[in-house]
Amino acid sequence: MKKLLFLLIWLPQLLIAQEIKSITSDEWNQLVDYLDQEQWEEASKTSFGYLNRLSKEEQELDQAAMLRYMYLLSQSGMMNDRKLSKDEAFKNVKEFKGKTLILPGHPLETKQGFNVIHPANNRADTLMITQSNHKATNILCFEYVILEKKLTMAEFEMLKGKIGRVKGKLKSIHVHGNFLPRFQLFITKATMEVE
């Protein structure tokens, strides 16, 4: 069931991923499997390898933005599992600052929760995602999203229960936490596709 849900979260974006000819659909599926099974080391190696395969032109495509996020998430998982130090994980992803990321789809909710998009501080001008593992026992990322087209709380409430997919520029990235470290991302100039 988890795998089906995970695939549904990424599937709409992966369907358009065929623009990148250097990555086959089987390879995309393998990467999604690693992420779904929380095999962070394999997901990290795989997504990094795919990123390095891309031509300069392909680096600007949406699929590269998805790969960057997949790599970033896997680095956070490894850091959280203590397989990478905070400094190593940050060093591996700091070059993504200023680049576009595409996040997986999440349900839109008015209350804070794990793996949902919700208003930060009860205001819809900044959205937040607390990205965690499947069991919601480890936080992997705190993601703050500033939409280009601001939403009011009334507009956001009308979207409750739908799936939102965020695309935006990574303005900054920090590492937070000592016992279970995680990334804190600030994403600006963002758009959100809602289904």
C-alpha atoms as a PDB file:
ATOM      1  CA  MET A   1       0.000   0.000   0.000  1.00  0.00           C
ATOM      2  CA  LYS A   2       2.811   2.417   0.880  1.00  0.00           C
ATOM      3  CA  LYS A   3       4.486   1.806  -2.450  1.00  0.00           C
ATOM      4  CA  LEU A   4       1.255   2.477  -4.317  1.00  0.00           C
ATOM      5  CA  LEU A   5       0.778   5.749  -2.433  1.00  0.00           C
ATOM      6  CA  PHE A   6       4.402   6.728  -3.020  1.00  0.00           C
ATOM      7  CA  LEU A   7       4.088   6.000  -6.739  1.00  0.00           C
ATOM      8  CA  LEU A   8       0.890   8.028  -6.960  1.00  0.00           C
ATOM      9  CA  ILE A   9       2.686  10.979  -5.371  1.00  0.00           C
ATOM     10  CA  TRP A  10       5.468  10.926  -7.987  1.00  0.00           C
ATOM     11  CA  LEU A  11       3.636   9.387 -10.961  1.00  0.00           C
ATOM     12  CA  PRO A  12       2.250  12.544 -12.616  1.00  0.00           C
ATOM     13  CA  GLN A  13       5.708  14.067 -12.626  1.00  0.00           C
ATOM     14  CA  LEU A  14       7.432  10.886 -13.727  1.00  0.00           C
ATOM     15  CA  LEU A  15       5.096  10.497 -16.680  1.00  0.00           C
ATOM     16  CA  ILE A  16       6.602  13.635 -18.180  1.00  0.00           C
ATOM     17  CA  ALA A  17      10.078  12.517 -17.203  1.00  0.00           C
ATOM     18  CA  GLN A  18      10.596  10.863 -20.540  1.00  0.00           C
ATOM     19  CA  GLU A  19      11.883  14.202 -21.879  1.00  0.00           C
ATOM     20  CA  ILE A  20      15.246  13.121 -20.494  1.00  0.00           C
ATOM     21  CA  LYS A  21      16.341  10.410 -22.868  1.00  0.00           C
ATOM     22  CA  SER A  22      19.401   9.404 -20.849  1.00  0.00           C
ATOM     23  CA  ILE A  23      17.223   7.944 -18.052  1.00  0.00           C
ATOM     24  CA  THR A  24      14.930   5.030 -18.890  1.00  0.00           C
ATOM     25  CA  SER A  25      11.541   4.429 -17.280  1.00  0.00           C
ATOM     26  CA  ASP A  26      13.007   1.332 -15.567  1.00  0.00           C
ATOM     27  CA  GLU A  27      15.727   3.518 -14.045  1.00  0.00           C
ATOM     28  CA  TRP A  28      13.154   6.053 -12.811  1.00  0.00           C
ATOM     29  CA  ASN A  29      11.158   3.185 -11.277  1.00  0.00           C
ATOM     30  CA  GLN A  30      14.268   1.839  -9.530  1.00  0.00           C
ATOM     31  CA  LEU A  31      14.955   5.249  -7.993  1.00  0.00           C
ATOM     32  CA  VAL A  32      11.349   5.559  -6.803  1.00  0.00           C
ATOM     33  CA  ASP A  33      11.624   2.064  -5.272  1.00  0.00           C
ATOM     34  CA  TYR A  34      14.762   3.061  -3.341  1.00  0.00           C
ATOM     35  CA  LEU A  35      13.037   6.179  -2.017  1.00  0.00           C
ATOM     36  CA  ASP A  36       9.854   4.283  -1.173  1.00  0.00           C
ATOM     37  CA  GLN A  37      11.843   1.651   0.738  1.00  0.00           C
ATOM     38  CA  GLU A  38      13.859   4.422   2.422  1.00  0.00           C
ATOM     39  CA  GLN A  39      17.086   2.942   1.090  1.00  0.00           C
ATOM     40  CA  TRP A  40      18.740   6.337   1.346  1.00  0.00           C
ATOM     41  CA  GLU A  41      22.254   5.298   0.305  1.00  0.00           C
ATOM     42  CA  GLU A  42      21.032   3.621  -2.888  1.00  0.00           C
ATOM     43  CA  ALA A  43      18.666   6.505  -3.635  1.00  0.00           C
ATOM     44  CA  SER A  44      21.503   8.964  -3.101  1.00  0.00           C
ATOM     45  CA  LYS A  45      23.951   7.131  -5.370  1.00  0.00           C
ATOM     46  CA  THR A  46      21.309   6.590  -8.034  1.00  0.00           C
ATOM     47  CA  SER A  47      19.911  10.127  -8.133  1.00  0.00           C
ATOM     48  CA  PHE A  48      23.422  11.631  -8.064  1.00  0.00           C
ATOM     49  CA  GLY A  49      24.478   9.344 -10.911  1.00  0.00           C
ATOM     50  CA  TYR A  50      21.443  10.365 -12.957  1.00  0.00           C
ATOM     51  CA  LEU A  51      22.110  14.056 -12.316  1.00  0.00           C
ATOM     52  CA  ASN A  52      25.677  13.639 -13.545  1.00  0.00           C
ATOM     53  CA  ARG A  53      24.421  12.004 -16.747  1.00  0.00           C
ATOM     54  CA  LEU A  54      22.331  14.988 -17.761  1.00  0.00           C
ATOM     55  CA  SER A  55      23.454  17.347 -20.476  1.00  0.00           C
ATOM     56  CA  LYS A  56      23.615  21.077 -19.757  1.00  0.00           C
ATOM     57  CA  GLU A  57      20.261  21.509 -21.518  1.00  0.00           C
ATOM     58  CA  GLU A  58      18.670  18.644 -19.553  1.00  0.00           C
ATOM     59  CA  GLN A  59      19.805  20.271 -16.273  1.00  0.00           C
ATOM     60  CA  GLU A  60      17.137  22.930 -16.910  1.00  0.00           C
ATOM     61  CA  LEU A  61      14.256  20.465 -17.361  1.00  0.00           C
ATOM     62  CA  ASP A  62      11.651  19.696 -14.709  1.00  0.00           C
ATOM     63  CA  GLN A  63      13.009  16.177 -14.347  1.00  0.00           C
ATOM     64  CA  ALA A  64      16.375  17.552 -13.214  1.00  0.00           C
ATOM     65  CA  ALA A  65      14.495  19.590 -10.589  1.00  0.00           C
ATOM     66  CA  MET A  66      12.838  16.359  -9.377  1.00  0.00           C
ATOM     67  CA  LEU A  67      16.192  14.555  -9.284  1.00  0.00           C
ATOM     68  CA  ARG A  68      17.737  17.363  -7.226  1.00  0.00           C
ATOM     69  CA  TYR A  69      14.959  17.027  -4.670  1.00  0.00           C
ATOM     70  CA  MET A  70      15.258  13.212  -4.633  1.00  0.00           C
ATOM     71  CA  TYR A  71      19.002  13.521  -4.029  1.00  0.00           C
ATOM     72  CA  LEU A  72      18.489  16.142  -1.338  1.00  0.00           C
ATOM     73  CA  LEU A  73      15.902  13.964   0.420  1.00  0.00           C
ATOM     74  CA  SER A  74      18.166  10.905   0.300  1.00  0.00           C
ATOM     75  CA  GLN A  75      21.064  12.942   1.720  1.00  0.00           C
ATOM     76  CA  SER A  76      18.811  14.041   4.565  1.00  0.00           C
ATOM     77  CA  GLY A  77      17.790  10.427   5.167  1.00  0.00           C
ATOM     78  CA  MET A  78      21.442   9.365   5.343  1.00  0.00           C
ATOM     79  CA  MET A  79      22.245  12.246   7.692  1.00  0.00           C
ATOM     80  CA  ASN A  80      19.258  11.338   9.865  1.00  0.00           C
ATOM     81  CA  ASP A  81      20.444   7.699   9.932  1.00  0.00           C
ATOM     82  CA  ARG A  82      23.944   8.928  10.919  1.00  0.00           C
ATOM     83  CA  LYS A  83      25.527   7.611   7.731  1.00  0.00           C
ATOM     84  CA  LEU A  84      26.606  11.149   6.840  1.00  0.00           C
ATOM     85  CA  SER A  85      27.710  13.975   9.084  1.00  0.00           C
ATOM     86  CA  LYS A  86      25.805  17.251   8.981  1.00  0.00           C
ATOM     87  CA  ASP A  87      28.797  18.905   7.298  1.00  0.00           C
ATOM     88  CA  GLU A  88      29.080  16.172   4.643  1.00  0.00           C
ATOM     89  CA  ALA A  89      25.370  16.256   3.816  1.00  0.00           C
ATOM     90  CA  PHE A  90      25.329  20.052   3.582  1.00  0.00           C
ATOM     91  CA  LYS A  91      28.450  20.063   1.404  1.00  0.00           C
ATOM     92  CA  ASN A  92      26.787  17.582  -0.977  1.00  0.00           C
ATOM     93  CA  VAL A  93      23.677  19.730  -1.548  1.00  0.00           C
ATOM     94  CA  LYS A  94      24.753  23.355  -1.053  1.00  0.00           C
ATOM     95  CA  GLU A  95      25.293  23.784  -4.811  1.00  0.00           C
ATOM     96  CA  PHE A  96      21.521  23.420  -5.284  1.00  0.00           C
ATOM     97  CA  LYS A  97      21.002  26.898  -3.823  1.00  0.00           C
ATOM     98  CA  GLY A  98      19.399  29.035  -6.546  1.00  0.00           C
ATOM     99  CA  LYS A  99      18.314  25.994  -8.564  1.00  0.00           C
ATOM    100  CA  THR A 100      14.800  24.782  -9.206  1.00  0.00           C
ATOM    101  CA  LEU A 101      13.338  21.939  -7.141  1.00  0.00           C
ATOM    102  CA  ILE A 102      10.117  20.035  -7.719  1.00  0.00           C
ATOM    103  CA  LEU A 103       8.678  18.385  -4.633  1.00  0.00           C
ATOM    104  CA  PRO A 104       6.428  15.323  -4.637  1.00  0.00           C
ATOM    105  CA  GLY A 105       2.701  15.861  -4.314  1.00  0.00           C
ATOM    106  CA  HIS A 106       1.251  16.187  -0.835  1.00  0.00           C
ATOM    107  CA  PRO A 107      -2.286  16.594   0.485  1.00  0.00           C
ATOM    108  CA  LEU A 108      -3.273  20.168   1.321  1.00  0.00           C
ATOM    109  CA  GLU A 109      -4.406  20.476   4.941  1.00  0.00           C
ATOM    110  CA  THR A 110      -5.233  23.431   7.176  1.00  0.00           C
ATOM    111  CA  LYS A 111      -3.618  21.819  10.230  1.00  0.00           C
ATOM    112  CA  GLN A 112       0.059  21.017  10.646  1.00  0.00           C
ATOM    113  CA  GLY A 113       1.015  17.394  10.094  1.00  0.00           C
ATOM    114  CA  PHE A 114       3.624  15.144   8.551  1.00  0.00           C
ATOM    115  CA  ASN A 115       3.896  14.981   4.758  1.00  0.00           C
ATOM    116  CA  VAL A 116       1.150  17.529   4.118  1.00  0.00           C
ATOM    117  CA  ILE A 117       1.221  21.069   2.756  1.00  0.00           C
ATOM    118  CA  HIS A 118      -0.205  23.451   5.334  1.00  0.00           C
ATOM    119  CA  PRO A 119      -0.146  27.184   6.058  1.00  0.00           C
ATOM    120  CA  ALA A 120       2.790  28.247   8.223  1.00  0.00           C
ATOM    121  CA  ASN A 121       1.694  30.216  11.298  1.00  0.00           C
ATOM    122  CA  ASN A 122      -1.959  30.001  10.198  1.00  0.00           C
ATOM    123  CA  ARG A 123      -1.280  32.231   7.182  1.00  0.00           C
ATOM    124  CA  ALA A 124      -1.418  30.982   3.600  1.00  0.00           C
ATOM    125  CA  ASP A 125       1.235  33.409   2.323  1.00  0.00           C
ATOM    126  CA  THR A 126       3.894  30.913   3.443  1.00  0.00           C
ATOM    127  CA  LEU A 127       3.292  27.182   3.220  1.00  0.00           C
ATOM    128  CA  MET A 128       5.148  24.465   5.094  1.00  0.00           C
ATOM    129  CA  ILE A 129       5.814  20.772   4.652  1.00  0.00           C
ATOM    130  CA  THR A 130       7.254  18.611   7.418  1.00  0.00           C
ATOM    131  CA  GLN A 131       8.737  15.852   5.247  1.00  0.00           C
ATOM    132  CA  SER A 132       9.218  12.650   7.236  1.00  0.00           C
ATOM    133  CA  ASN A 133       9.826   8.972   6.788  1.00  0.00           C
ATOM    134  CA  HIS A 134       6.804   6.696   6.166  1.00  0.00           C
ATOM    135  CA  LYS A 135       6.245   5.979   9.852  1.00  0.00           C
ATOM    136  CA  ALA A 136       6.446   9.708  10.669  1.00  0.00           C
ATOM    137  CA  THR A 137       9.068   8.945  13.312  1.00  0.00           C
ATOM    138  CA  ASN A 138      11.938  10.930  11.740  1.00  0.00           C
ATOM    139  CA  ILE A 139      11.715  14.386  10.227  1.00  0.00           C
ATOM    140  CA  LEU A 140      13.810  14.628   7.060  1.00  0.00           C
ATOM    141  CA  CYS A 141      13.135  18.233   6.013  1.00  0.00           C
ATOM    142  CA  PHE A 142      11.272  21.323   7.072  1.00  0.00           C
ATOM    143  CA  GLU A 143      10.252  22.960   3.793  1.00  0.00           C
ATOM    144  CA  TYR A 144       8.998  26.546   3.708  1.00  0.00           C
ATOM    145  CA  VAL A 145       7.374  27.638   0.452  1.00  0.00           C
ATOM    146  CA  ILE A 146       6.735  31.222  -0.658  1.00  0.00           C
ATOM    147  CA  LEU A 147       4.302  31.161  -3.575  1.00  0.00           C
ATOM    148  CA  GLU A 148       4.585  33.757  -6.340  1.00  0.00           C
ATOM    149  CA  LYS A 149       0.792  34.033  -6.370  1.00  0.00           C
ATOM    150  CA  LYS A 150      -0.204  34.389  -2.730  1.00  0.00           C
ATOM    151  CA  LEU A 151      -3.220  32.541  -1.375  1.00  0.00           C
ATOM    152  CA  THR A 152      -5.629  33.773   1.253  1.00  0.00           C
ATOM    153  CA  MET A 153      -6.657  31.404   4.032  1.00  0.00           C
ATOM    154  CA  ALA A 154     -10.126  31.216   2.471  1.00  0.00           C
ATOM    155  CA  GLU A 155      -8.623  30.171  -0.880  1.00  0.00           C
ATOM    156  CA  PHE A 156      -6.374  27.624   0.823  1.00  0.00           C
ATOM    157  CA  GLU A 157      -9.280  26.142   2.796  1.00  0.00           C
ATOM    158  CA  MET A 158     -11.155  25.531  -0.473  1.00  0.00           C
ATOM    159  CA  LEU A 159      -8.203  23.380  -1.624  1.00  0.00           C
ATOM    160  CA  LYS A 160      -8.142  21.229   1.530  1.00  0.00           C
ATOM    161  CA  GLY A 161      -7.851  17.522   0.704  1.00  0.00           C
ATOM    162  CA  LYS A 162      -6.508  18.055  -2.806  1.00  0.00           C
ATOM    163  CA  ILE A 163      -2.948  17.185  -3.819  1.00  0.00           C
ATOM    164  CA  GLY A 164      -0.482  20.029  -4.311  1.00  0.00           C
ATOM    165  CA  ARG A 165       2.852  19.856  -6.146  1.00  0.00           C
ATOM    166  CA  VAL A 166       5.365  22.630  -5.535  1.00  0.00           C
ATOM    167  CA  LYS A 167       7.996  23.904  -7.954  1.00  0.00           C
ATOM    168  CA  GLY A 168      10.318  26.742  -6.987  1.00  0.00           C
ATOM    169  CA  LYS A 169      13.828  28.072  -6.465  1.00  0.00           C
ATOM    170  CA  LEU A 170      15.836  26.912  -3.474  1.00  0.00           C
ATOM    171  CA  LYS A 171      16.660  30.217  -1.784  1.00  0.00           C
ATOM    172  CA  SER A 172      18.483  28.696   1.168  1.00  0.00           C
ATOM    173  CA  ILE A 173      19.248  25.417   2.864  1.00  0.00           C
ATOM    174  CA  HIS A 174      20.371  24.806   6.439  1.00  0.00           C
ATOM    175  CA  VAL A 175      20.965  21.806   8.672  1.00  0.00           C
ATOM    176  CA  HIS A 176      19.045  21.746  11.953  1.00  0.00           C
ATOM    177  CA  GLY A 177      19.054  19.383  14.894  1.00  0.00           C
ATOM    178  CA  ASN A 178      21.788  17.468  16.643  1.00  0.00           C
ATOM    179  CA  PHE A 179      20.377  14.106  17.661  1.00  0.00           C
ATOM    180  CA  LEU A 180      18.339  13.623  14.458  1.00  0.00           C
ATOM    181  CA  PRO A 181      19.563  16.261  11.998  1.00  0.00           C
ATOM    182  CA  ARG A 182      17.467  17.377   9.050  1.00  0.00           C
ATOM    183  CA  PHE A 183      17.452  20.018   6.345  1.00  0.00           C
ATOM    184  CA  GLN A 184      15.505  23.243   6.466  1.00  0.00           C
ATOM    185  CA  LEU A 185      14.653  24.500   2.972  1.00  0.00           C
ATOM    186  CA  PHE A 186      13.328  27.885   1.914  1.00  0.00           C
ATOM    187  CA  ILE A 187      11.755  27.726  -1.540  1.00  0.00           C
ATOM    188  CA  THR A 188      10.772  30.972  -3.255  1.00  0.00           C
ATOM    189  CA  LYS A 189       9.270  32.030  -6.587  1.00  0.00           C
ATOM    190  CA  ALA A 190       7.150  28.924  -6.188  1.00  0.00           C
ATOM    191  CA  THR A 191       4.127  27.700  -8.066  1.00  0.00           C
ATOM    192  CA  MET A 192       1.771  25.001  -6.884  1.00  0.00           C
ATOM    193  CA  GLU A 193      -0.138  22.693  -9.191  1.00  0.00           C
ATOM    194  CA  VAL A 194      -3.285  21.387  -7.497  1.00  0.00           C
ATOM    195  CA  GLU A 195      -5.312  18.306  -8.450  1.00  0.00           C
END
